[in-house]
Amino acid sequence: MIDTKGNVIFVSPTCKEMFGIPAEEMVKQNVYDLEAKGIFAPSVTAMVLKTRNKETVIQDTQTGRKNVASAYPIFDEQGEFVGSRSRSLPSEKDVKRWCPSFTI
């Protein structure tokens, strides 16, 4: 999850596997900085900060993985934008590498 300025406020413990950086290091960093460092690109959460809409991209990571990343805006009870949450899943290519019989 990120706040309205792009600061990471929560990540799953699995982020080390996905992005090569421990969760405790990613928290408190900014998604624009993480993108500039090559941790992941593009930053789907940065896109949501601009559009305030759900976004989905194929995201490259510093670990060499490609993820299908989706981010969703979060609004409070008054309809004000308060942040974003995201989810990254391995791309079909990576899944096929791990499980050659995988088909969609």
PDB file of N, CA and C in Angstrom:
ATOM      1  N   MET A   1       0.844  -1.170   0.000  1.00  0.00           N
ATOM      2  CA  MET A   1       0.000   0.000   0.000  1.00  0.00           C
ATOM      3  C   MET A   1       0.889   1.232   0.000  1.00  0.00           C
ATOM      4  N   ILE A   2       0.393   2.276  -0.651  1.00  0.00           N
ATOM      5  CA  ILE A   2       1.123   3.536  -0.666  1.00  0.00           C
ATOM      6  C   ILE A   2       0.189   4.671  -0.258  1.00  0.00           C
ATOM      7  N   ASP A   3       0.790   5.760   0.215  1.00  0.00           N
ATOM      8  CA  ASP A   3      -0.010   6.936   0.540  1.00  0.00           C
ATOM      9  C   ASP A   3      -0.136   7.827  -0.695  1.00  0.00           C
ATOM     10  N   THR A   4      -0.723   8.996  -0.550  1.00  0.00           N
ATOM     11  CA  THR A   4      -0.981   9.877  -1.686  1.00  0.00           C
ATOM     12  C   THR A   4       0.277  10.491  -2.288  1.00  0.00           C
ATOM     13  N   LYS A   5       1.397  10.369  -1.600  1.00  0.00           N
ATOM     14  CA  LYS A   5       2.666  10.903  -2.121  1.00  0.00           C
ATOM     15  C   LYS A   5       3.556   9.812  -2.724  1.00  0.00           C
ATOM     16  N   GLY A   6       3.086   8.563  -2.676  1.00  0.00           N
ATOM     17  CA  GLY A   6       3.860   7.460  -3.235  1.00  0.00           C
ATOM     18  C   GLY A   6       4.774   6.775  -2.245  1.00  0.00           C
ATOM     19  N   ASN A   7       4.623   7.104  -0.960  1.00  0.00           N
ATOM     20  CA  ASN A   7       5.428   6.449   0.073  1.00  0.00           C
ATOM     21  C   ASN A   7       4.847   5.080   0.395  1.00  0.00           C
ATOM     22  N   VAL A   8       5.700   4.074   0.424  1.00  0.00           N
ATOM     23  CA  VAL A   8       5.265   2.707   0.714  1.00  0.00           C
ATOM     24  C   VAL A   8       4.981   2.609   2.210  1.00  0.00           C
ATOM     25  N   ILE A   9       3.759   2.169   2.545  1.00  0.00           N
ATOM     26  CA  ILE A   9       3.392   2.050   3.960  1.00  0.00           C
ATOM     27  C   ILE A   9       3.191   0.595   4.386  1.00  0.00           C
ATOM     28  N   PHE A  10       3.044  -0.309   3.418  1.00  0.00           N
ATOM     29  CA  PHE A  10       2.914  -1.730   3.730  1.00  0.00           C
ATOM     30  C   PHE A  10       3.253  -2.536   2.491  1.00  0.00           C
ATOM     31  N   VAL A  11       3.993  -3.633   2.673  1.00  0.00           N
ATOM     32  CA  VAL A  11       4.239  -4.601   1.597  1.00  0.00           C
ATOM     33  C   VAL A  11       4.166  -6.006   2.173  1.00  0.00           C
ATOM     34  N   SER A  12       3.896  -6.943   1.318  1.00  0.00           N
ATOM     35  CA  SER A  12       3.866  -8.346   1.706  1.00  0.00           C
ATOM     36  C   SER A  12       5.289  -8.838   1.966  1.00  0.00           C
ATOM     37  N   PRO A  13       5.440  -9.769   2.877  1.00  0.00           N
ATOM     38  CA  PRO A  13       6.770 -10.347   3.100  1.00  0.00           C
ATOM     39  C   PRO A  13       7.353 -11.019   1.852  1.00  0.00           C
ATOM     40  N   THR A  14       6.515 -11.351   0.885  1.00  0.00           N
ATOM     41  CA  THR A  14       7.007 -11.989  -0.339  1.00  0.00           C
ATOM     42  C   THR A  14       7.687 -11.008  -1.287  1.00  0.00           C
ATOM     43  N   CYS A  15       7.761  -9.731  -0.921  1.00  0.00           N
ATOM     44  CA  CYS A  15       8.357  -8.749  -1.832  1.00  0.00           C
ATOM     45  C   CYS A  15       9.831  -9.040  -2.100  1.00  0.00           C
ATOM     46  N   LYS A  16      10.526  -9.665  -1.169  1.00  0.00           N
ATOM     47  CA  LYS A  16      11.939  -9.992  -1.405  1.00  0.00           C
ATOM     48  C   LYS A  16      12.066 -10.937  -2.592  1.00  0.00           C
ATOM     49  N   GLU A  17      11.202 -11.932  -2.649  1.00  0.00           N
ATOM     50  CA  GLU A  17      11.217 -12.873  -3.770  1.00  0.00           C
ATOM     51  C   GLU A  17      10.837 -12.176  -5.077  1.00  0.00           C
ATOM     52  N   MET A  18       9.848 -11.307  -5.011  1.00  0.00           N
ATOM     53  CA  MET A  18       9.358 -10.638  -6.218  1.00  0.00           C
ATOM     54  C   MET A  18      10.304  -9.553  -6.716  1.00  0.00           C
ATOM     55  N   PHE A  19      10.860  -8.766  -5.777  1.00  0.00           N
ATOM     56  CA  PHE A  19      11.605  -7.567  -6.164  1.00  0.00           C
ATOM     57  C   PHE A  19      13.063  -7.548  -5.718  1.00  0.00           C
ATOM     58  N   GLY A  20      13.466  -8.535  -4.907  1.00  0.00           N
ATOM     59  CA  GLY A  20      14.848  -8.601  -4.475  1.00  0.00           C
ATOM     60  C   GLY A  20      15.208  -7.635  -3.365  1.00  0.00           C
ATOM     61  N   ILE A  21      14.227  -7.151  -2.637  1.00  0.00           N
ATOM     62  CA  ILE A  21      14.456  -6.215  -1.537  1.00  0.00           C
ATOM     63  C   ILE A  21      13.550  -6.620  -0.373  1.00  0.00           C
ATOM     64  N   PRO A  22      14.092  -6.741   0.839  1.00  0.00           N
ATOM     65  CA  PRO A  22      13.263  -7.141   1.980  1.00  0.00           C
ATOM     66  C   PRO A  22      12.140  -6.133   2.254  1.00  0.00           C
ATOM     67  N   ALA A  23      11.032  -6.640   2.763  1.00  0.00           N
ATOM     68  CA  ALA A  23       9.872  -5.796   3.050  1.00  0.00           C
ATOM     69  C   ALA A  23      10.231  -4.618   3.936  1.00  0.00           C
ATOM     70  N   GLU A  24      11.041  -4.868   4.966  1.00  0.00           N
ATOM     71  CA  GLU A  24      11.372  -3.784   5.905  1.00  0.00           C
ATOM     72  C   GLU A  24      12.198  -2.674   5.245  1.00  0.00           C
ATOM     73  N   GLU A  25      12.903  -2.990   4.158  1.00  0.00           N
ATOM     74  CA  GLU A  25      13.648  -1.962   3.427  1.00  0.00           C
ATOM     75  C   GLU A  25      12.763  -1.197   2.455  1.00  0.00           C
ATOM     76  N   MET A  26      11.750  -1.878   1.913  1.00  0.00           N
ATOM     77  CA  MET A  26      10.874  -1.222   0.948  1.00  0.00           C
ATOM     78  C   MET A  26       9.918  -0.248   1.623  1.00  0.00           C
ATOM     79  N   VAL A  27       9.473  -0.601   2.837  1.00  0.00           N
ATOM     80  CA  VAL A  27       8.563   0.287   3.562  1.00  0.00           C
ATOM     81  C   VAL A  27       9.278   1.602   3.861  1.00  0.00           C
ATOM     82  N   LYS A  28       8.602   2.666   3.711  1.00  0.00           N
ATOM     83  CA  LYS A  28       9.066   4.047   3.932  1.00  0.00           C
ATOM     84  C   LYS A  28       9.798   4.620   2.715  1.00  0.00           C
ATOM     85  N   GLN A  29      10.071   3.787   1.691  1.00  0.00           N
ATOM     86  CA  GLN A  29      10.653   4.323   0.468  1.00  0.00           C
ATOM     87  C   GLN A  29       9.521   4.833  -0.415  1.00  0.00           C
ATOM     88  N   ASN A  30       9.885   5.546  -1.440  1.00  0.00           N
ATOM     89  CA  ASN A  30       8.913   6.127  -2.350  1.00  0.00           C
ATOM     90  C   ASN A  30       8.925   5.348  -3.664  1.00  0.00           C
ATOM     91  N   VAL A  31       7.749   5.121  -4.241  1.00  0.00           N
ATOM     92  CA  VAL A  31       7.667   4.322  -5.458  1.00  0.00           C
ATOM     93  C   VAL A  31       8.406   4.972  -6.630  1.00  0.00           C
ATOM     94  N   TYR A  32       8.464   6.296  -6.651  1.00  0.00           N
ATOM     95  CA  TYR A  32       9.206   6.968  -7.721  1.00  0.00           C
ATOM     96  C   TYR A  32      10.707   6.678  -7.589  1.00  0.00           C
ATOM     97  N   ASP A  33      11.207   6.657  -6.366  1.00  0.00           N
ATOM     98  CA  ASP A  33      12.622   6.331  -6.130  1.00  0.00           C
ATOM     99  C   ASP A  33      12.909   4.868  -6.433  1.00  0.00           C
ATOM    100  N   LEU A  34      12.010   3.979  -6.033  1.00  0.00           N
ATOM    101  CA  LEU A  34      12.190   2.556  -6.305  1.00  0.00           C
ATOM    102  C   LEU A  34      12.213   2.290  -7.808  1.00  0.00           C
ATOM    103  N   GLU A  35      11.362   2.992  -8.531  1.00  0.00           N
ATOM    104  CA  GLU A  35      11.345   2.854  -9.989  1.00  0.00           C
ATOM    105  C   GLU A  35      12.658   3.378 -10.585  1.00  0.00           C
ATOM    106  N   ALA A  36      13.125   4.532 -10.111  1.00  0.00           N
ATOM    107  CA  ALA A  36      14.375   5.116 -10.608  1.00  0.00           C
ATOM    108  C   ALA A  36      15.579   4.215 -10.327  1.00  0.00           C
ATOM    109  N   LYS A  37      15.534   3.493  -9.205  1.00  0.00           N
ATOM    110  CA  LYS A  37      16.617   2.563  -8.855  1.00  0.00           C
ATOM    111  C   LYS A  37      16.548   1.262  -9.649  1.00  0.00           C
ATOM    112  N   GLY A  38      15.467   1.047 -10.381  1.00  0.00           N
ATOM    113  CA  GLY A  38      15.331  -0.179 -11.155  1.00  0.00           C
ATOM    114  C   GLY A  38      14.798  -1.358 -10.376  1.00  0.00           C
ATOM    115  N   ILE A  39      14.258  -1.107  -9.184  1.00  0.00           N
ATOM    116  CA  ILE A  39      13.663  -2.196  -8.391  1.00  0.00           C
ATOM    117  C   ILE A  39      12.489  -2.784  -9.169  1.00  0.00           C
ATOM    118  N   PHE A  40      11.680  -1.917  -9.779  1.00  0.00           N
ATOM    119  CA  PHE A  40      10.600  -2.322 -10.669  1.00  0.00           C
ATOM    120  C   PHE A  40      10.306  -1.177 -11.628  1.00  0.00           C
ATOM    121  N   ALA A  41       9.803  -1.534 -12.807  1.00  0.00           N
ATOM    122  CA  ALA A  41       9.417  -0.528 -13.788  1.00  0.00           C
ATOM    123  C   ALA A  41       8.475  -1.164 -14.802  1.00  0.00           C
ATOM    124  N   PRO A  42       7.430  -0.475 -15.159  1.00  0.00           N
ATOM    125  CA  PRO A  42       7.009   0.800 -14.609  1.00  0.00           C
ATOM    126  C   PRO A  42       6.355   0.615 -13.246  1.00  0.00           C
ATOM    127  N   SER A  43       6.209   1.713 -12.529  1.00  0.00           N
ATOM    128  CA  SER A  43       5.534   1.680 -11.234  1.00  0.00           C
ATOM    129  C   SER A  43       4.033   1.816 -11.466  1.00  0.00           C
ATOM    130  N   VAL A  44       3.336   0.719 -11.284  1.00  0.00           N
ATOM    131  CA  VAL A  44       1.889   0.736 -11.498  1.00  0.00           C
ATOM    132  C   VAL A  44       1.187   1.600 -10.449  1.00  0.00           C
ATOM    133  N   THR A  45       1.733   1.656  -9.248  1.00  0.00           N
ATOM    134  CA  THR A  45       1.121   2.496  -8.220  1.00  0.00           C
ATOM    135  C   THR A  45       1.320   3.979  -8.533  1.00  0.00           C
ATOM    136  N   ALA A  46       2.450   4.340  -9.133  1.00  0.00           N
ATOM    137  CA  ALA A  46       2.650   5.729  -9.550  1.00  0.00           C
ATOM    138  C   ALA A  46       1.632   6.108 -10.623  1.00  0.00           C
ATOM    139  N   MET A  47       1.293   5.153 -11.474  1.00  0.00           N
ATOM    140  CA  MET A  47       0.275   5.414 -12.496  1.00  0.00           C
ATOM    141  C   MET A  47      -1.074   5.711 -11.844  1.00  0.00           C
ATOM    142  N   VAL A  48      -1.421   4.953 -10.802  1.00  0.00           N
ATOM    143  CA  VAL A  48      -2.689   5.181 -10.103  1.00  0.00           C
ATOM    144  C   VAL A  48      -2.689   6.548  -9.410  1.00  0.00           C
ATOM    145  N   LEU A  49      -1.534   6.970  -8.895  1.00  0.00           N
ATOM    146  CA  LEU A  49      -1.453   8.304  -8.288  1.00  0.00           C
ATOM    147  C   LEU A  49      -1.845   9.382  -9.296  1.00  0.00           C
ATOM    148  N   LYS A  50      -1.506   9.185 -10.555  1.00  0.00           N
ATOM    149  CA  LYS A  50      -1.831  10.159 -11.594  1.00  0.00           C
ATOM    150  C   LYS A  50      -3.263  10.035 -12.083  1.00  0.00           C
ATOM    151  N   THR A  51      -3.716   8.790 -12.307  1.00  0.00           N
ATOM    152  CA  THR A  51      -5.019   8.585 -12.951  1.00  0.00           C
ATOM    153  C   THR A  51      -6.184   8.428 -11.987  1.00  0.00           C
ATOM    154  N   ARG A  52      -5.883   7.976 -10.760  1.00  0.00           N
ATOM    155  CA  ARG A  52      -6.927   7.649  -9.762  1.00  0.00           C
ATOM    156  C   ARG A  52      -7.839   6.527 -10.237  1.00  0.00           C
ATOM    157  N   ASN A  53      -7.329   5.709 -11.177  1.00  0.00           N
ATOM    158  CA  ASN A  53      -8.065   4.572 -11.724  1.00  0.00           C
ATOM    159  C   ASN A  53      -7.241   3.306 -11.571  1.00  0.00           C
ATOM    160  N   LYS A  54      -7.903   2.144 -11.673  1.00  0.00           N
ATOM    161  CA  LYS A  54      -7.197   0.857 -11.671  1.00  0.00           C
ATOM    162  C   LYS A  54      -6.265   0.829 -12.879  1.00  0.00           C
ATOM    163  N   GLU A  55      -5.064   0.296 -12.671  1.00  0.00           N
ATOM    164  CA  GLU A  55      -4.074   0.169 -13.736  1.00  0.00           C
ATOM    165  C   GLU A  55      -3.459  -1.227 -13.668  1.00  0.00           C
ATOM    166  N   THR A  56      -3.124  -1.785 -14.819  1.00  0.00           N
ATOM    167  CA  THR A  56      -2.441  -3.073 -14.898  1.00  0.00           C
ATOM    168  C   THR A  56      -1.337  -2.968 -15.941  1.00  0.00           C
ATOM    169  N   VAL A  57      -0.149  -3.465 -15.592  1.00  0.00           N
ATOM    170  CA  VAL A  57       1.000  -3.417 -16.496  1.00  0.00           C
ATOM    171  C   VAL A  57       1.815  -4.700 -16.370  1.00  0.00           C
ATOM    172  N   ILE A  58       2.673  -4.933 -17.348  1.00  0.00           N
ATOM    173  CA  ILE A  58       3.719  -5.935 -17.210  1.00  0.00           C
ATOM    174  C   ILE A  58       4.919  -5.180 -16.644  1.00  0.00           C
ATOM    175  N   GLN A  59       5.391  -5.621 -15.506  1.00  0.00           N
ATOM    176  CA  GLN A  59       6.425  -4.906 -14.758  1.00  0.00           C
ATOM    177  C   GLN A  59       7.718  -5.720 -14.743  1.00  0.00           C
ATOM    178  N   ASP A  60       8.819  -5.066 -15.117  1.00  0.00           N
ATOM    179  CA  ASP A  60      10.142  -5.685 -15.019  1.00  0.00           C
ATOM    180  C   ASP A  60      10.693  -5.413 -13.628  1.00  0.00           C
ATOM    181  N   THR A  61      11.419  -6.394 -13.073  1.00  0.00           N
ATOM    182  CA  THR A  61      12.000  -6.210 -11.749  1.00  0.00           C
ATOM    183  C   THR A  61      13.507  -6.406 -11.801  1.00  0.00           C
ATOM    184  N   GLN A  62      14.182  -5.915 -10.779  1.00  0.00           N
ATOM    185  CA  GLN A  62      15.640  -6.059 -10.730  1.00  0.00           C
ATOM    186  C   GLN A  62      16.083  -7.515 -10.614  1.00  0.00           C
ATOM    187  N   THR A  63      15.168  -8.401 -10.247  1.00  0.00           N
ATOM    188  CA  THR A  63      15.500  -9.825 -10.154  1.00  0.00           C
ATOM    189  C   THR A  63      15.414 -10.521 -11.503  1.00  0.00           C
ATOM    190  N   GLY A  64      14.996  -9.786 -12.540  1.00  0.00           N
ATOM    191  CA  GLY A  64      14.849 -10.363 -13.866  1.00  0.00           C
ATOM    192  C   GLY A  64      13.472 -10.943 -14.129  1.00  0.00           C
ATOM    193  N   ARG A  65      12.597 -10.851 -13.155  1.00  0.00           N
ATOM    194  CA  ARG A  65      11.236 -11.352 -13.323  1.00  0.00           C
ATOM    195  C   ARG A  65      10.384 -10.342 -14.047  1.00  0.00           C
ATOM    196  N   LYS A  66       9.361 -10.846 -14.677  1.00  0.00           N
ATOM    197  CA  LYS A  66       8.303 -10.014 -15.228  1.00  0.00           C
ATOM    198  C   LYS A  66       7.045 -10.365 -14.459  1.00  0.00           C
ATOM    199  N   ASN A  67       6.390  -9.353 -13.922  1.00  0.00           N
ATOM    200  CA  ASN A  67       5.167  -9.555 -13.156  1.00  0.00           C
ATOM    201  C   ASN A  67       4.001  -8.868 -13.840  1.00  0.00           C
ATOM    202  N   VAL A  68       2.830  -9.448 -13.681  1.00  0.00           N
ATOM    203  CA  VAL A  68       1.608  -8.747 -14.040  1.00  0.00           C
ATOM    204  C   VAL A  68       1.219  -7.981 -12.786  1.00  0.00           C
ATOM    205  N   ALA A  69       1.341  -6.662 -12.832  1.00  0.00           N
ATOM    206  CA  ALA A  69       1.093  -5.833 -11.649  1.00  0.00           C
ATOM    207  C   ALA A  69      -0.163  -5.014 -11.863  1.00  0.00           C
ATOM    208  N   SER A  70      -1.044  -5.076 -10.880  1.00  0.00           N
ATOM    209  CA  SER A  70      -2.267  -4.272 -10.895  1.00  0.00           C
ATOM    210  C   SER A  70      -2.299  -3.425  -9.640  1.00  0.00           C
ATOM    211  N   ALA A  71      -2.774  -2.200  -9.778  1.00  0.00           N
ATOM    212  CA  ALA A  71      -2.916  -1.311  -8.627  1.00  0.00           C
ATOM    213  C   ALA A  71      -4.313  -0.709  -8.652  1.00  0.00           C
ATOM    214  N   TYR A  72      -4.810  -0.452  -7.460  1.00  0.00           N
ATOM    215  CA  TYR A  72      -6.182   0.002  -7.286  1.00  0.00           C
ATOM    216  C   TYR A  72      -6.197   1.224  -6.374  1.00  0.00           C
ATOM    217  N   PRO A  73      -6.954   2.256  -6.746  1.00  0.00           N
ATOM    218  CA  PRO A  73      -7.041   3.432  -5.865  1.00  0.00           C
ATOM    219  C   PRO A  73      -7.847   3.101  -4.607  1.00  0.00           C
ATOM    220  N   ILE A  74      -7.530   3.791  -3.523  1.00  0.00           N
ATOM    221  CA  ILE A  74      -8.284   3.662  -2.273  1.00  0.00           C
ATOM    222  C   ILE A  74      -8.904   5.026  -1.975  1.00  0.00           C
ATOM    223  N   PHE A  75     -10.199   5.035  -1.713  1.00  0.00           N
ATOM    224  CA  PHE A  75     -10.921   6.258  -1.395  1.00  0.00           C
ATOM    225  C   PHE A  75     -11.531   6.137  -0.008  1.00  0.00           C
ATOM    226  N   ASP A  76     -11.592   7.243   0.723  1.00  0.00           N
ATOM    227  CA  ASP A  76     -12.230   7.224   2.042  1.00  0.00           C
ATOM    228  C   ASP A  76     -13.743   7.382   1.900  1.00  0.00           C
ATOM    229  N   GLU A  77     -14.437   7.458   3.029  1.00  0.00           N
ATOM    230  CA  GLU A  77     -15.896   7.540   3.031  1.00  0.00           C
ATOM    231  C   GLU A  77     -16.428   8.784   2.319  1.00  0.00           C
ATOM    232  N   GLN A  78     -15.625   9.842   2.263  1.00  0.00           N
ATOM    233  CA  GLN A  78     -16.039  11.072   1.593  1.00  0.00           C
ATOM    234  C   GLN A  78     -15.662  11.082   0.104  1.00  0.00           C
ATOM    235  N   GLY A  79     -15.084   9.996  -0.361  1.00  0.00           N
ATOM    236  CA  GLY A  79     -14.697   9.898  -1.756  1.00  0.00           C
ATOM    237  C   GLY A  79     -13.340  10.500  -2.076  1.00  0.00           C
ATOM    238  N   GLU A  80     -12.585  10.863  -1.033  1.00  0.00           N
ATOM    239  CA  GLU A  80     -11.252  11.437  -1.235  1.00  0.00           C
ATOM    240  C   GLU A  80     -10.232  10.322  -1.463  1.00  0.00           C
ATOM    241  N   PHE A  81      -9.351  10.546  -2.411  1.00  0.00           N
ATOM    242  CA  PHE A  81      -8.285   9.592  -2.691  1.00  0.00           C
ATOM    243  C   PHE A  81      -7.305   9.600  -1.525  1.00  0.00           C
ATOM    244  N   VAL A  82      -7.015   8.407  -0.975  1.00  0.00           N
ATOM    245  CA  VAL A  82      -6.113   8.328   0.184  1.00  0.00           C
ATOM    246  C   VAL A  82      -4.901   7.429  -0.055  1.00  0.00           C
ATOM    247  N   GLY A  83      -4.829   6.783  -1.219  1.00  0.00           N
ATOM    248  CA  GLY A  83      -3.681   5.926  -1.494  1.00  0.00           C
ATOM    249  C   GLY A  83      -4.009   4.873  -2.527  1.00  0.00           C
ATOM    250  N   SER A  84      -3.170   3.867  -2.574  1.00  0.00           N
ATOM    251  CA  SER A  84      -3.314   2.803  -3.557  1.00  0.00           C
ATOM    252  C   SER A  84      -2.829   1.489  -2.961  1.00  0.00           C
ATOM    253  N   ARG A  85      -3.406   0.420  -3.447  1.00  0.00           N
ATOM    254  CA  ARG A  85      -2.911  -0.915  -3.102  1.00  0.00           C
ATOM    255  C   ARG A  85      -2.588  -1.609  -4.413  1.00  0.00           C
ATOM    256  N   SER A  86      -1.631  -2.513  -4.367  1.00  0.00           N
ATOM    257  CA  SER A  86      -1.248  -3.198  -5.590  1.00  0.00           C
ATOM    258  C   SER A  86      -1.035  -4.673  -5.343  1.00  0.00           C
ATOM    259  N   ARG A  87      -0.955  -5.379  -6.451  1.00  0.00           N
ATOM    260  CA  ARG A  87      -0.748  -6.815  -6.404  1.00  0.00           C
ATOM    261  C   ARG A  87       0.097  -7.195  -7.611  1.00  0.00           C
ATOM    262  N   SER A  88       1.107  -8.007  -7.378  1.00  0.00           N
ATOM    263  CA  SER A  88       1.965  -8.473  -8.467  1.00  0.00           C
ATOM    264  C   SER A  88       1.924  -9.989  -8.528  1.00  0.00           C
ATOM    265  N   LEU A  89       1.734 -10.488  -9.713  1.00  0.00           N
ATOM    266  CA  LEU A  89       1.724 -11.928  -9.951  1.00  0.00           C
ATOM    267  C   LEU A  89       2.745 -12.241 -11.032  1.00  0.00           C
ATOM    268  N   PRO A  90       3.321 -13.423 -11.008  1.00  0.00           N
ATOM    269  CA  PRO A  90       4.275 -13.775 -12.059  1.00  0.00           C
ATOM    270  C   PRO A  90       3.588 -13.741 -13.422  1.00  0.00           C
ATOM    271  N   SER A  91       4.323 -13.341 -14.441  1.00  0.00           N
ATOM    272  CA  SER A  91       3.758 -13.319 -15.789  1.00  0.00           C
ATOM    273  C   SER A  91       3.572 -14.739 -16.300  1.00  0.00           C
ATOM    274  N   GLU A  92       2.781 -14.872 -17.354  1.00  0.00           N
ATOM    275  CA  GLU A  92       2.549 -16.188 -17.951  1.00  0.00           C
ATOM    276  C   GLU A  92       3.871 -16.823 -18.369  1.00  0.00           C
ATOM    277  N   LYS A  93       4.804 -16.028 -18.891  1.00  0.00           N
ATOM    278  CA  LYS A  93       6.107 -16.549 -19.316  1.00  0.00           C
ATOM    279  C   LYS A  93       6.854 -17.179 -18.142  1.00  0.00           C
ATOM    280  N   ASP A  94       6.870 -16.485 -16.984  1.00  0.00           N
ATOM    281  CA  ASP A  94       7.554 -17.033 -15.818  1.00  0.00           C
ATOM    282  C   ASP A  94       6.852 -18.286 -15.300  1.00  0.00           C
ATOM    283  N   VAL A  95       5.531 -18.268 -15.301  1.00  0.00           N
ATOM    284  CA  VAL A  95       4.785 -19.444 -14.844  1.00  0.00           C
ATOM    285  C   VAL A  95       5.091 -20.625 -15.758  1.00  0.00           C
ATOM    286  N   LYS A  96       5.150 -20.388 -17.067  1.00  0.00           N
ATOM    287  CA  LYS A  96       5.459 -21.490 -18.002  1.00  0.00           C
ATOM    288  C   LYS A  96       6.869 -22.025 -17.784  1.00  0.00           C
ATOM    289  N   ARG A  97       7.792 -21.172 -17.390  1.00  0.00           N
ATOM    290  CA  ARG A  97       9.154 -21.622 -17.111  1.00  0.00           C
ATOM    291  C   ARG A  97       9.158 -22.574 -15.921  1.00  0.00           C
ATOM    292  N   TRP A  98       8.329 -22.275 -14.900  1.00  0.00           N
ATOM    293  CA  TRP A  98       8.260 -23.122 -13.706  1.00  0.00           C
ATOM    294  C   TRP A  98       7.386 -24.350 -13.929  1.00  0.00           C
ATOM    295  N   CYS A  99       6.384 -24.188 -14.799  1.00  0.00           N
ATOM    296  CA  CYS A  99       5.414 -25.280 -15.032  1.00  0.00           C
ATOM    297  C   CYS A  99       5.117 -25.329 -16.536  1.00  0.00           C
ATOM    298  N   PRO A 100       5.926 -26.043 -17.312  1.00  0.00           N
ATOM    299  CA  PRO A 100       5.803 -26.026 -18.763  1.00  0.00           C
ATOM    300  C   PRO A 100       4.423 -26.425 -19.298  1.00  0.00           C
ATOM    301  N   SER A 101       3.651 -27.163 -18.536  1.00  0.00           N
ATOM    302  CA  SER A 101       2.334 -27.598 -19.013  1.00  0.00           C
ATOM    303  C   SER A 101       1.249 -26.552 -18.783  1.00  0.00           C
ATOM    304  N   PHE A 102       1.599 -25.396 -18.198  1.00  0.00           N
ATOM    305  CA  PHE A 102       0.622 -24.345 -17.908  1.00  0.00           C
ATOM    306  C   PHE A 102       0.058 -23.772 -19.199  1.00  0.00           C
ATOM    307  N   THR A 103      -1.272 -23.635 -19.262  1.00  0.00           N
ATOM    308  CA  THR A 103      -1.928 -22.969 -20.391  1.00  0.00           C
ATOM    309  C   THR A 103      -3.060 -22.105 -19.862  1.00  0.00           C
ATOM    310  N   ILE A 104      -3.383 -21.102 -20.654  1.00  0.00           N
ATOM    311  CA  ILE A 104      -4.530 -20.238 -20.304  1.00  0.00           C
ATOM    312  C   ILE A 104      -5.669 -20.573 -21.214  1.00  0.00           C
TER     313      ILE A 104
END
